[in-house]
C-alpha atoms as a PDB file:
ATOM      1  CA  UNK A   1      86.583 164.286 122.994  1.00  0.00           C
ATOM      2  CA  UNK A   2      89.395 163.914 120.486  1.00  0.00           C
ATOM      3  CA  UNK A   3      88.468 162.956 116.966  1.00  0.00           C
ATOM      4  CA  UNK A   4      90.561 162.459 113.867  1.00  0.00           C
ATOM      5  CA  UNK A   5      88.326 161.922 110.869  1.00  0.00           C
ATOM      6  CA  UNK A   6      89.934 160.801 107.618  1.00  0.00           C
ATOM      7  CA  UNK A   7      88.402 161.079 104.186  1.00  0.00           C
ATOM      8  CA  UNK A   8      89.412 160.920 100.549  1.00  0.00           C
ATOM      9  CA  UNK A   9      90.322 157.273 100.127  1.00  0.00           C
ATOM     10  CA  UNK A  10      89.022 155.108  97.341  1.00  0.00           C
ATOM     11  CA  UNK A  11      89.849 153.094  94.256  1.00  0.00           C
ATOM     12  CA  UNK A  12      92.228 154.612  91.726  1.00  0.00           C
ATOM     13  CA  UNK A  13      94.102 153.300  88.703  1.00  0.00           C
ATOM     14  CA  UNK A  14      97.902 153.076  88.695  1.00  0.00           C
ATOM     15  CA  UNK A  15      99.363 156.470  87.934  1.00  0.00           C
ATOM     16  CA  UNK A  16      96.375 158.252  89.413  1.00  0.00           C
ATOM     17  CA  UNK A  17      96.088 160.633  92.333  1.00  0.00           C
ATOM     18  CA  UNK A  18      94.187 160.912  95.583  1.00  0.00           C
ATOM     19  CA  UNK A  19      94.070 163.548  98.292  1.00  0.00           C
ATOM     20  CA  UNK A  20      93.477 162.367 101.821  1.00  0.00           C
ATOM     21  CA  UNK A  21      92.175 164.705 104.501  1.00  0.00           C
ATOM     22  CA  UNK A  22      92.155 164.383 108.264  1.00  0.00           C
ATOM     23  CA  UNK A  23      90.080 166.786 110.313  1.00  0.00           C
ATOM     24  CA  UNK A  24      91.109 167.026 113.955  1.00  0.00           C
ATOM     25  CA  UNK A  25      88.920 168.163 116.817  1.00  0.00           C
ATOM     26  CA  UNK A  26      89.319 168.204 120.582  1.00  0.00           C
ATOM     27  CA  UNK A  27      93.059 168.940 120.501  1.00  0.00           C
ATOM     28  CA  UNK A  28      95.248 172.010 120.353  1.00  0.00           C
ATOM     29  CA  UNK A  29      96.274 171.398 116.757  1.00  0.00           C
ATOM     30  CA  UNK A  30      99.468 173.452 117.004  1.00  0.00           C
ATOM     31  CA  UNK A  31     100.753 171.241 119.818  1.00  0.00           C
ATOM     32  CA  UNK A  32     100.742 168.125 117.668  1.00  0.00           C
ATOM     33  CA  UNK A  33     102.929 166.628 115.009  1.00  0.00           C
ATOM     34  CA  UNK A  34     100.551 165.257 112.407  1.00  0.00           C
ATOM     35  CA  UNK A  35     101.316 162.146 110.444  1.00  0.00           C
ATOM     36  CA  UNK A  36      99.965 159.672 107.933  1.00  0.00           C
ATOM     37  CA  UNK A  37     100.617 155.976 108.403  1.00  0.00           C
ATOM     38  CA  UNK A  38      99.546 153.051 106.277  1.00  0.00           C
ATOM     39  CA  UNK A  39      99.042 149.371 106.815  1.00  0.00           C
ATOM     40  CA  UNK A  40      98.843 146.889 103.980  1.00  0.00           C
ATOM     41  CA  UNK A  41      97.386 143.402 104.495  1.00  0.00           C
ATOM     42  CA  UNK A  42      99.839 141.203 106.368  1.00  0.00           C
ATOM     43  CA  UNK A  43     102.269 144.049 106.966  1.00  0.00           C
ATOM     44  CA  UNK A  44     103.115 146.305 109.857  1.00  0.00           C
ATOM     45  CA  UNK A  45     101.836 149.825 110.040  1.00  0.00           C
ATOM     46  CA  UNK A  46     104.428 152.258 108.679  1.00  0.00           C
ATOM     47  CA  UNK A  47     104.886 155.991 108.756  1.00  0.00           C
ATOM     48  CA  UNK A  48     104.351 157.574 105.361  1.00  0.00           C
ATOM     49  CA  UNK A  49     104.812 161.242 106.159  1.00  0.00           C
ATOM     50  CA  UNK A  50     104.715 163.641 109.067  1.00  0.00           C
ATOM     51  CA  UNK A  51     104.597 167.385 109.468  1.00  0.00           C
ATOM     52  CA  UNK A  52     105.434 169.562 112.432  1.00  0.00           C
ATOM     53  CA  UNK A  53     103.408 172.516 113.613  1.00  0.00           C
ATOM     54  CA  UNK A  54     105.982 174.698 111.894  1.00  0.00           C
ATOM     55  CA  UNK A  55     105.428 172.956 108.585  1.00  0.00           C
ATOM     56  CA  UNK A  56     108.557 170.810 108.451  1.00  0.00           C
ATOM     57  CA  UNK A  57     107.743 167.608 106.595  1.00  0.00           C
ATOM     58  CA  UNK A  58     109.397 164.205 106.589  1.00  0.00           C
ATOM     59  CA  UNK A  59     108.658 161.325 104.238  1.00  0.00           C
ATOM     60  CA  UNK A  60     109.249 157.603 103.967  1.00  0.00           C
ATOM     61  CA  UNK A  61     112.008 157.433 101.393  1.00  0.00           C
ATOM     62  CA  UNK A  62     110.176 156.012  98.392  1.00  0.00           C
ATOM     63  CA  UNK A  63     107.223 158.351  98.770  1.00  0.00           C
ATOM     64  CA  UNK A  64     109.176 161.579  98.691  1.00  0.00           C
ATOM     65  CA  UNK A  65     108.449 163.257  95.391  1.00  0.00           C
ATOM     66  CA  UNK A  66     105.147 161.443  94.902  1.00  0.00           C
ATOM     67  CA  UNK A  67     103.412 162.333  98.166  1.00  0.00           C
ATOM     68  CA  UNK A  68     103.039 165.746  99.772  1.00  0.00           C
ATOM     69  CA  UNK A  69     101.853 166.324 103.312  1.00  0.00           C
ATOM     70  CA  UNK A  70     100.464 169.681 104.365  1.00  0.00           C
ATOM     71  CA  UNK A  71      98.446 171.141 107.203  1.00  0.00           C
ATOM     72  CA  UNK A  72      95.878 173.904 107.463  1.00  0.00           C
ATOM     73  CA  UNK A  73      95.927 175.375 110.951  1.00  0.00           C
ATOM     74  CA  UNK A  74      92.781 177.414 110.394  1.00  0.00           C
ATOM     75  CA  UNK A  75      90.825 174.239 109.647  1.00  0.00           C
ATOM     76  CA  UNK A  76      92.712 171.876 111.982  1.00  0.00           C
ATOM     77  CA  UNK A  77      93.221 169.619 109.007  1.00  0.00           C
ATOM     78  CA  UNK A  78      96.150 167.688 107.573  1.00  0.00           C
ATOM     79  CA  UNK A  79      96.298 166.539 103.976  1.00  0.00           C
ATOM     80  CA  UNK A  80      98.199 163.921 102.038  1.00  0.00           C
ATOM     81  CA  UNK A  81      98.371 164.506  98.308  1.00  0.00           C
ATOM     82  CA  UNK A  82      99.337 161.264  96.597  1.00  0.00           C
ATOM     83  CA  UNK A  83     100.391 161.275  92.951  1.00  0.00           C
ATOM     84  CA  UNK A  84     101.669 158.587  90.592  1.00  0.00           C
ATOM     85  CA  UNK A  85     100.053 155.947  92.736  1.00  0.00           C
ATOM     86  CA  UNK A  86     101.271 152.384  92.445  1.00  0.00           C
ATOM     87  CA  UNK A  87      99.610 149.094  93.393  1.00  0.00           C
ATOM     88  CA  UNK A  88     102.141 148.862  96.231  1.00  0.00           C
ATOM     89  CA  UNK A  89     100.516 151.936  97.776  1.00  0.00           C
ATOM     90  CA  UNK A  90      97.359 149.939  98.447  1.00  0.00           C
ATOM     91  CA  UNK A  91      96.692 150.036 102.185  1.00  0.00           C
ATOM     92  CA  UNK A  92      94.549 151.484 104.914  1.00  0.00           C
ATOM     93  CA  UNK A  93      95.830 154.983 105.618  1.00  0.00           C
ATOM     94  CA  UNK A  94      95.633 156.274 109.177  1.00  0.00           C
ATOM     95  CA  UNK A  95      95.909 159.810 110.476  1.00  0.00           C
ATOM     96  CA  UNK A  96      97.982 160.294 113.623  1.00  0.00           C
ATOM     97  CA  UNK A  97      98.374 163.209 116.015  1.00  0.00           C
ATOM     98  CA  UNK A  98     101.390 163.039 118.359  1.00  0.00           C
ATOM     99  CA  UNK A  99     101.866 165.627 121.082  1.00  0.00           C
ATOM    100  CA  UNK A 100     105.167 167.441 120.724  1.00  0.00           C
ATOM    101  CA  UNK A 101     106.076 167.133 124.415  1.00  0.00           C
ATOM    102  CA  UNK A 102     104.252 164.142 125.904  1.00  0.00           C
ATOM    103  CA  UNK A 103     104.394 162.153 122.633  1.00  0.00           C
ATOM    104  CA  UNK A 104     100.907 160.834 123.360  1.00  0.00           C
ATOM    105  CA  UNK A 105      99.193 159.792 120.142  1.00  0.00           C
ATOM    106  CA  UNK A 106      95.681 159.764 118.801  1.00  0.00           C
ATOM    107  CA  UNK A 107      94.588 157.773 115.765  1.00  0.00           C
ATOM    108  CA  UNK A 108      91.903 158.085 113.175  1.00  0.00           C
ATOM    109  CA  UNK A 109      89.789 155.168 112.043  1.00  0.00           C
ATOM    110  CA  UNK A 110      91.580 154.786 108.719  1.00  0.00           C
ATOM    111  CA  UNK A 111      90.616 155.166 105.097  1.00  0.00           C
ATOM    112  CA  UNK A 112      91.131 152.512 102.422  1.00  0.00           C
ATOM    113  CA  UNK A 113      93.261 153.328  99.390  1.00  0.00           C
ATOM    114  CA  UNK A 114      93.233 150.758  96.599  1.00  0.00           C
ATOM    115  CA  UNK A 115      95.390 151.177  93.510  1.00  0.00           C
ATOM    116  CA  UNK A 116      94.330 148.756  90.818  1.00  0.00           C
ATOM    117  CA  UNK A 117      93.485 148.610  87.154  1.00  0.00           C
END
């Protein structure tokens, strides 16, 4: 059974930081590109950042420099460090695992991030 379990969301003031974690089980972690998506109310889900099994990272343009994605193969976990958070970053953040060959995806249940004073 595949599980992606996110944690680390919460309420933070503008300018603050959060670190999201996603623990994967039931998959061969090294066969998957890991990603973080977010969905704000009334908006489509969008890719925030992704990282290959080799550690190559890609970011949505505005988040590069504020967000850092990383993965720990020993713990089958992917992280999203978010700094200088803005109210516009408020959304539900979802972890995604996409197989490198088949492109089949698994999703986590999401974690709420709210940036507000």
